[in-house]
PDB file of all heavy atoms in Angstrom:
ATOM      1  N   GLU A   1      89.110  99.426 105.236  1.00  0.00           N
ATOM      2  CA  GLU A   1      89.911  99.149 106.490  1.00  0.00           C
ATOM      3  C   GLU A   1      91.404  99.326 106.189  1.00  0.00           C
ATOM      4  O   GLU A   1      91.943  98.662 105.345  1.00  0.00           O
ATOM      5  CB  GLU A   1      89.520  97.705 107.011  1.00  0.00           C
ATOM      6  CG  GLU A   1      90.434  97.218 108.048  1.00  0.00           C
ATOM      7  CD  GLU A   1      90.336  98.067 109.369  1.00  0.00           C
ATOM      8  OE1 GLU A   1      89.194  98.178 109.968  1.00  0.00           O
ATOM      9  OE2 GLU A   1      91.423  98.741 109.731  1.00  0.00           O
ATOM     10  N   ASP A   2      92.081 100.219 106.992  1.00  0.00           N
ATOM     11  CA  ASP A   2      93.423 100.432 106.750  1.00  0.00           C
ATOM     12  C   ASP A   2      94.345  99.443 107.435  1.00  0.00           C
ATOM     13  O   ASP A   2      95.595  99.411 107.153  1.00  0.00           O
ATOM     14  CB  ASP A   2      93.861 101.828 107.199  1.00  0.00           C
ATOM     15  CG  ASP A   2      93.730 102.106 108.694  1.00  0.00           C
ATOM     16  OD1 ASP A   2      92.811 101.510 109.294  1.00  0.00           O
ATOM     17  OD2 ASP A   2      94.474 102.892 109.190  1.00  0.00           O
ATOM     18  N   GLU A   3      93.923  98.646 108.363  1.00  0.00           N
ATOM     19  CA  GLU A   3      94.649  97.518 108.923  1.00  0.00           C
ATOM     20  C   GLU A   3      94.675  96.425 107.895  1.00  0.00           C
ATOM     21  O   GLU A   3      93.694  95.614 107.842  1.00  0.00           O
ATOM     22  CB  GLU A   3      94.129  97.096 110.285  1.00  0.00           C
ATOM     23  CG  GLU A   3      94.205  98.156 111.345  1.00  0.00           C
ATOM     24  CD  GLU A   3      93.651  97.634 112.653  1.00  0.00           C
ATOM     25  OE1 GLU A   3      93.867  96.446 113.001  1.00  0.00           O
ATOM     26  OE2 GLU A   3      92.975  98.423 113.344  1.00  0.00           O
ATOM     27  N   ILE A   4      95.686  96.263 107.119  1.00  0.00           N
ATOM     28  CA  ILE A   4      95.758  95.367 105.962  1.00  0.00           C
ATOM     29  C   ILE A   4      95.523  93.941 106.443  1.00  0.00           C
ATOM     30  O   ILE A   4      94.751  93.156 105.766  1.00  0.00           O
ATOM     31  CB  ILE A   4      97.059  95.477 105.190  1.00  0.00           C
ATOM     32  CG1 ILE A   4      97.129  96.917 104.578  1.00  0.00           C
ATOM     33  CG2 ILE A   4      97.122  94.443 104.067  1.00  0.00           C
ATOM     34  CD1 ILE A   4      98.392  97.217 103.852  1.00  0.00           C
ATOM     35  N   ASN A   5      96.136  93.466 107.483  1.00  0.00           N
ATOM     36  CA  ASN A   5      95.940  92.151 107.958  1.00  0.00           C
ATOM     37  C   ASN A   5      94.533  91.862 108.342  1.00  0.00           C
ATOM     38  O   ASN A   5      93.948  90.690 107.989  1.00  0.00           O
ATOM     39  CB  ASN A   5      96.815  91.775 109.140  1.00  0.00           C
ATOM     40  CG  ASN A   5      98.288  91.744 108.775  1.00  0.00           C
ATOM     41  OD1 ASN A   5      98.663  91.511 107.545  1.00  0.00           O
ATOM     42  ND2 ASN A   5      99.183  91.928 109.720  1.00  0.00           N
ATOM     43  N   LEU A   6      93.855  92.818 108.957  1.00  0.00           N
ATOM     44  CA  LEU A   6      92.406  92.637 109.321  1.00  0.00           C
ATOM     45  C   LEU A   6      91.556  92.606 108.089  1.00  0.00           C
ATOM     46  O   LEU A   6      90.672  91.754 107.942  1.00  0.00           O
ATOM     47  CB  LEU A   6      92.006  93.773 110.260  1.00  0.00           C
ATOM     48  CG  LEU A   6      90.459  93.863 110.658  1.00  0.00           C
ATOM     49  CD1 LEU A   6      90.108  92.454 111.310  1.00  0.00           C
ATOM     50  CD2 LEU A   6      90.233  94.974 111.501  1.00  0.00           C
ATOM     51  N   ALA A   7      91.842  93.436 107.167  1.00  0.00           N
ATOM     52  CA  ALA A   7      91.080  93.515 105.895  1.00  0.00           C
ATOM     53  C   ALA A   7      91.209  92.206 105.150  1.00  0.00           C
ATOM     54  O   ALA A   7      90.183  91.621 104.609  1.00  0.00           O
ATOM     55  CB  ALA A   7      91.545  94.658 105.009  1.00  0.00           C
ATOM     56  N   GLU A   8      92.410  91.639 105.072  1.00  0.00           N
ATOM     57  CA  GLU A   8      92.589  90.371 104.423  1.00  0.00           C
ATOM     58  C   GLU A   8      91.893  89.243 105.121  1.00  0.00           C
ATOM     59  O   GLU A   8      91.277  88.372 104.479  1.00  0.00           O
ATOM     60  CB  GLU A   8      94.126  90.110 104.239  1.00  0.00           C
ATOM     61  CG  GLU A   8      94.829  91.096 103.269  1.00  0.00           C
ATOM     62  CD  GLU A   8      96.250  90.739 103.237  1.00  0.00           C
ATOM     63  OE1 GLU A   8      96.824  90.036 104.042  1.00  0.00           O
ATOM     64  OE2 GLU A   8      97.005  91.363 102.341  1.00  0.00           O
ATOM     65  N   ALA A   9      91.949  89.218 106.455  1.00  0.00           N
ATOM     66  CA  ALA A   9      91.252  88.207 107.217  1.00  0.00           C
ATOM     67  C   ALA A   9      89.759  88.257 106.987  1.00  0.00           C
ATOM     68  O   ALA A   9      89.021  87.255 106.782  1.00  0.00           O
ATOM     69  CB  ALA A   9      91.584  88.313 108.737  1.00  0.00           C
ATOM     70  N   LEU A  10      89.206  89.517 107.090  1.00  0.00           N
ATOM     71  CA  LEU A  10      87.742  89.575 106.838  1.00  0.00           C
ATOM     72  C   LEU A  10      87.400  89.225 105.368  1.00  0.00           C
ATOM     73  O   LEU A  10      86.304  88.587 105.220  1.00  0.00           O
ATOM     74  CB  LEU A  10      87.390  91.138 107.003  1.00  0.00           C
ATOM     75  CG  LEU A  10      87.397  91.641 108.453  1.00  0.00           C
ATOM     76  CD1 LEU A  10      87.056  93.134 108.420  1.00  0.00           C
ATOM     77  CD2 LEU A  10      86.208  90.959 109.250  1.00  0.00           C
ATOM     78  N   SER A  11      88.187  89.539 104.426  1.00  0.00           N
ATOM     79  CA  SER A  11      87.930  89.185 103.037  1.00  0.00           C
ATOM     80  C   SER A  11      87.809  87.589 102.974  1.00  0.00           C
ATOM     81  O   SER A  11      86.924  87.085 102.314  1.00  0.00           O
ATOM     82  CB  SER A  11      89.084  89.615 102.103  1.00  0.00           C
ATOM     83  OG  SER A  11      89.046  91.027 102.099  1.00  0.00           O
ATOM     84  N   GLN A  12      88.785  86.912 103.562  1.00  0.00           N
ATOM     85  CA  GLN A  12      88.738  85.452 103.488  1.00  0.00           C
ATOM     86  C   GLN A  12      87.532  84.833 104.189  1.00  0.00           C
ATOM     87  O   GLN A  12      86.895  83.928 103.718  1.00  0.00           O
ATOM     88  CB  GLN A  12      90.016  84.835 104.122  1.00  0.00           C
ATOM     89  CG  GLN A  12      91.281  85.157 103.355  1.00  0.00           C
ATOM     90  CD  GLN A  12      91.215  84.760 101.937  1.00  0.00           C
ATOM     91  OE1 GLN A  12      90.791  83.530 101.627  1.00  0.00           O
ATOM     92  NE2 GLN A  12      91.557  85.574 100.948  1.00  0.00           N
ATOM     93  N   ILE A  13      87.221  85.444 105.402  1.00  0.00           N
ATOM     94  CA  ILE A  13      86.000  85.016 106.076  1.00  0.00           C
ATOM     95  C   ILE A  13      84.748  85.126 105.193  1.00  0.00           C
ATOM     96  O   ILE A  13      83.899  84.201 105.105  1.00  0.00           O
ATOM     97  CB  ILE A  13      85.855  85.745 107.418  1.00  0.00           C
ATOM     98  CG1 ILE A  13      86.920  85.345 108.399  1.00  0.00           C
ATOM     99  CG2 ILE A  13      84.364  85.502 108.092  1.00  0.00           C
ATOM    100  CD1 ILE A  13      87.095  86.265 109.569  1.00  0.00           C
ATOM    101  N   LEU A  14      84.599  86.304 104.646  1.00  0.00           N
ATOM    102  CA  LEU A  14      83.388  86.582 103.836  1.00  0.00           C
ATOM    103  C   LEU A  14      83.296  85.742 102.541  1.00  0.00           C
ATOM    104  O   LEU A  14      82.281  85.296 102.126  1.00  0.00           O
ATOM    105  CB  LEU A  14      83.372  88.015 103.502  1.00  0.00           C
ATOM    106  CG  LEU A  14      83.032  88.941 104.729  1.00  0.00           C
ATOM    107  CD1 LEU A  14      83.206  90.390 104.358  1.00  0.00           C
ATOM    108  CD2 LEU A  14      81.665  88.711 105.290  1.00  0.00           C
ATOM    109  N   LYS A  15      84.497  85.526 101.977  1.00  0.00           N
ATOM    110  CA  LYS A  15      84.550  84.684 100.759  1.00  0.00           C
ATOM    111  C   LYS A  15      84.150  83.281 100.990  1.00  0.00           C
ATOM    112  O   LYS A  15      83.453  82.633 100.150  1.00  0.00           O
ATOM    113  CB  LYS A  15      85.966  84.784 100.087  1.00  0.00           C
ATOM    114  CG  LYS A  15      86.131  86.094  99.381  1.00  0.00           C
ATOM    115  CD  LYS A  15      87.593  86.211  98.886  1.00  0.00           C
ATOM    116  CE  LYS A  15      87.862  87.563  98.237  1.00  0.00           C
ATOM    117  NZ  LYS A  15      89.260  87.704  97.779  1.00  0.00           N
ATOM    118  N   LYS A  16      84.489  82.759 102.213  1.00  0.00           N
ATOM    119  CA  LYS A  16      84.140  81.524 102.645  1.00  0.00           C
ATOM    120  C   LYS A  16      82.625  81.362 102.738  1.00  0.00           C
ATOM    121  O   LYS A  16      82.071  80.244 102.670  1.00  0.00           O
ATOM    122  CB  LYS A  16      84.782  80.960 103.885  1.00  0.00           C
ATOM    123  CG  LYS A  16      86.229  80.685 103.668  1.00  0.00           C
ATOM    124  CD  LYS A  16      86.939  80.278 105.050  1.00  0.00           C
ATOM    125  CE  LYS A  16      88.377  79.957 104.794  1.00  0.00           C
ATOM    126  NZ  LYS A  16      89.096  79.621 106.068  1.00  0.00           N
ATOM    127  N   GLN A  17      81.954  82.509 103.022  1.00  0.00           N
ATOM    128  CA  GLN A  17      80.458  82.520 103.117  1.00  0.00           C
ATOM    129  C   GLN A  17      79.818  82.780 101.723  1.00  0.00           C
ATOM    130  O   GLN A  17      78.646  83.072 101.660  1.00  0.00           O
ATOM    131  CB  GLN A  17      80.024  83.584 104.102  1.00  0.00           C
ATOM    132  CG  GLN A  17      80.594  83.366 105.525  1.00  0.00           C
ATOM    133  CD  GLN A  17      79.996  82.128 106.158  1.00  0.00           C
ATOM    134  OE1 GLN A  17      78.886  81.868 106.057  1.00  0.00           O
ATOM    135  NE2 GLN A  17      80.894  81.313 106.779  1.00  0.00           N
ATOM    136  N   HIS A  18      80.712  82.748 100.703  1.00  0.00           N
ATOM    137  CA  HIS A  18      80.212  82.948  99.282  1.00  0.00           C
ATOM    138  C   HIS A  18      79.731  84.422  98.947  1.00  0.00           C
ATOM    139  O   HIS A  18      78.947  84.624  98.102  1.00  0.00           O
ATOM    140  CB  HIS A  18      79.177  81.966  98.892  1.00  0.00           C
ATOM    141  CG  HIS A  18      79.591  80.512  99.107  1.00  0.00           C
ATOM    142  ND1 HIS A  18      80.637  80.016  98.500  1.00  0.00           N
ATOM    143  CD2 HIS A  18      79.089  79.611  99.967  1.00  0.00           C
ATOM    144  CE1 HIS A  18      80.803  78.709  98.857  1.00  0.00           C
ATOM    145  NE2 HIS A  18      79.878  78.457  99.741  1.00  0.00           N
ATOM    146  N   TYR A  19      80.313  85.400  99.668  1.00  0.00           N
ATOM    147  CA  TYR A  19      80.116  86.734  99.367  1.00  0.00           C
ATOM    148  C   TYR A  19      81.258  87.194  98.332  1.00  0.00           C
ATOM    149  O   TYR A  19      82.384  86.618  98.519  1.00  0.00           O
ATOM    150  CB  TYR A  19      80.170  87.709 100.550  1.00  0.00           C
ATOM    151  CG  TYR A  19      79.043  87.538 101.567  1.00  0.00           C
ATOM    152  CD1 TYR A  19      79.295  86.962 102.828  1.00  0.00           C
ATOM    153  CD2 TYR A  19      77.853  88.115 101.205  1.00  0.00           C
ATOM    154  CE1 TYR A  19      78.267  86.774 103.637  1.00  0.00           C
ATOM    155  CE2 TYR A  19      76.752  87.973 102.131  1.00  0.00           C
ATOM    156  CZ  TYR A  19      76.996  87.299 103.422  1.00  0.00           C
ATOM    157  OH  TYR A  19      75.923  87.168 104.278  1.00  0.00           O
ATOM    158  N   SER A  20      80.991  88.033  97.421  1.00  0.00           N
ATOM    159  CA  SER A  20      82.076  88.654  96.660  1.00  0.00           C
ATOM    160  C   SER A  20      82.605  89.843  97.462  1.00  0.00           C
ATOM    161  O   SER A  20      81.785  90.584  98.043  1.00  0.00           O
ATOM    162  CB  SER A  20      81.503  89.108  95.277  1.00  0.00           C
ATOM    163  OG  SER A  20      81.067  88.047  94.554  1.00  0.00           O
ATOM    164  N   VAL A  21      83.928  89.952  97.499  1.00  0.00           N
ATOM    165  CA  VAL A  21      84.480  91.008  98.408  1.00  0.00           C
ATOM    166  C   VAL A  21      85.586  91.784  97.665  1.00  0.00           C
ATOM    167  O   VAL A  21      86.384  91.223  96.947  1.00  0.00           O
ATOM    168  CB  VAL A  21      85.170  90.271  99.609  1.00  0.00           C
ATOM    169  CG1 VAL A  21      85.675  91.327 100.576  1.00  0.00           C
ATOM    170  CG2 VAL A  21      84.146  89.382 100.340  1.00  0.00           C
ATOM    171  N   ASP A  22      85.508  93.150  97.877  1.00  0.00           N
ATOM    172  CA  ASP A  22      86.614  94.059  97.534  1.00  0.00           C
ATOM    173  C   ASP A  22      87.044  94.685  98.750  1.00  0.00           C
ATOM    174  O   ASP A  22      86.261  94.978  99.711  1.00  0.00           O
ATOM    175  CB  ASP A  22      86.136  95.024  96.547  1.00  0.00           C
ATOM    176  CG  ASP A  22      85.747  94.487  95.181  1.00  0.00           C
ATOM    177  OD1 ASP A  22      86.359  93.515  94.672  1.00  0.00           O
ATOM    178  OD2 ASP A  22      84.722  94.960  94.577  1.00  0.00           O
ATOM    179  N   ALA A  23      88.400  94.973  98.921  1.00  0.00           N
ATOM    180  CA  ALA A  23      88.922  95.569 100.130  1.00  0.00           C
ATOM    181  C   ALA A  23      89.839  96.704  99.716  1.00  0.00           C
ATOM    182  O   ALA A  23      90.696  96.536  98.751  1.00  0.00           O
ATOM    183  CB  ALA A  23      89.701  94.627 101.011  1.00  0.00           C
ATOM    184  N   VAL A  24      89.716  97.830 100.267  1.00  0.00           N
ATOM    185  CA  VAL A  24      90.581  98.999 100.054  1.00  0.00           C
ATOM    186  C   VAL A  24      91.032  99.522 101.475  1.00  0.00           C
ATOM    187  O   VAL A  24      90.448  99.304 102.396  1.00  0.00           O
ATOM    188  CB  VAL A  24      89.900 100.140  99.239  1.00  0.00           C
ATOM    189  CG1 VAL A  24      89.468  99.631  97.845  1.00  0.00           C
ATOM    190  CG2 VAL A  24      88.636 100.664  99.968  1.00  0.00           C
ATOM    191  N   HIS A  25      92.177 100.353 101.364  1.00  0.00           N
ATOM    192  CA  HIS A  25      92.717 100.656 102.621  1.00  0.00           C
ATOM    193  C   HIS A  25      92.948 102.082 102.951  1.00  0.00           C
ATOM    194  O   HIS A  25      93.642 102.480 103.841  1.00  0.00           O
ATOM    195  CB  HIS A  25      94.177  99.971 102.655  1.00  0.00           C
ATOM    196  CG  HIS A  25      94.127  98.479 102.306  1.00  0.00           C
ATOM    197  ND1 HIS A  25      93.398  97.573 103.047  1.00  0.00           N
ATOM    198  CD2 HIS A  25      94.669  97.838 101.244  1.00  0.00           C
ATOM    199  CE1 HIS A  25      93.520  96.421 102.495  1.00  0.00           C
ATOM    200  NE2 HIS A  25      94.272  96.553 101.411  1.00  0.00           N
ATOM    201  N   ASP A  26      92.347 103.019 102.104  1.00  0.00           N
ATOM    202  CA  ASP A  26      92.338 104.432 102.448  1.00  0.00           C
ATOM    203  C   ASP A  26      91.000 105.025 102.150  1.00  0.00           C
ATOM    204  O   ASP A  26      90.175 104.455 101.354  1.00  0.00           O
ATOM    205  CB  ASP A  26      93.444 105.177 101.715  1.00  0.00           C
ATOM    206  CG  ASP A  26      93.220 105.235 100.237  1.00  0.00           C
ATOM    207  OD1 ASP A  26      92.403 106.125  99.761  1.00  0.00           O
ATOM    208  OD2 ASP A  26      93.826 104.412  99.407  1.00  0.00           O
ATOM    209  N   GLY A  27      90.737 106.208 102.761  1.00  0.00           N
ATOM    210  CA  GLY A  27      89.423 106.775 102.688  1.00  0.00           C
ATOM    211  C   GLY A  27      88.989 107.206 101.286  1.00  0.00           C
ATOM    212  O   GLY A  27      87.843 107.008 100.894  1.00  0.00           O
ATOM    213  N   GLN A  28      89.870 107.788 100.547  1.00  0.00           N
ATOM    214  CA  GLN A  28      89.446 108.358  99.220  1.00  0.00           C
ATOM    215  C   GLN A  28      89.099 107.152  98.251  1.00  0.00           C
ATOM    216  O   GLN A  28      88.123 107.246  97.531  1.00  0.00           O
ATOM    217  CB  GLN A  28      90.590 109.119  98.559  1.00  0.00           C
ATOM    218  CG  GLN A  28      90.186 109.787  97.312  1.00  0.00           C
ATOM    219  CD  GLN A  28      89.003 110.757  97.380  1.00  0.00           C
ATOM    220  OE1 GLN A  28      89.029 111.674  98.188  1.00  0.00           O
ATOM    221  NE2 GLN A  28      87.899 110.497  96.679  1.00  0.00           N
ATOM    222  N   GLU A  29      89.858 106.109  98.317  1.00  0.00           N
ATOM    223  CA  GLU A  29      89.590 104.899  97.438  1.00  0.00           C
ATOM    224  C   GLU A  29      88.274 104.273  97.943  1.00  0.00           C
ATOM    225  O   GLU A  29      87.434 103.774  97.107  1.00  0.00           O
ATOM    226  CB  GLU A  29      90.762 103.974  97.458  1.00  0.00           C
ATOM    227  CG  GLU A  29      90.580 102.840  96.463  1.00  0.00           C
ATOM    228  CD  GLU A  29      91.794 101.871  96.396  1.00  0.00           C
ATOM    229  OE1 GLU A  29      92.758 102.142  97.163  1.00  0.00           O
ATOM    230  OE2 GLU A  29      91.742 101.025  95.483  1.00  0.00           O
TER     231      GLU A  29
END
């Protein structure tokens, strides 16, 4: 997700549900 604030918010939500999360912000990565 290239919207960094959204990606960070989603990461925090999922981590609170005990998922392991990685976030990247461009297509190739």
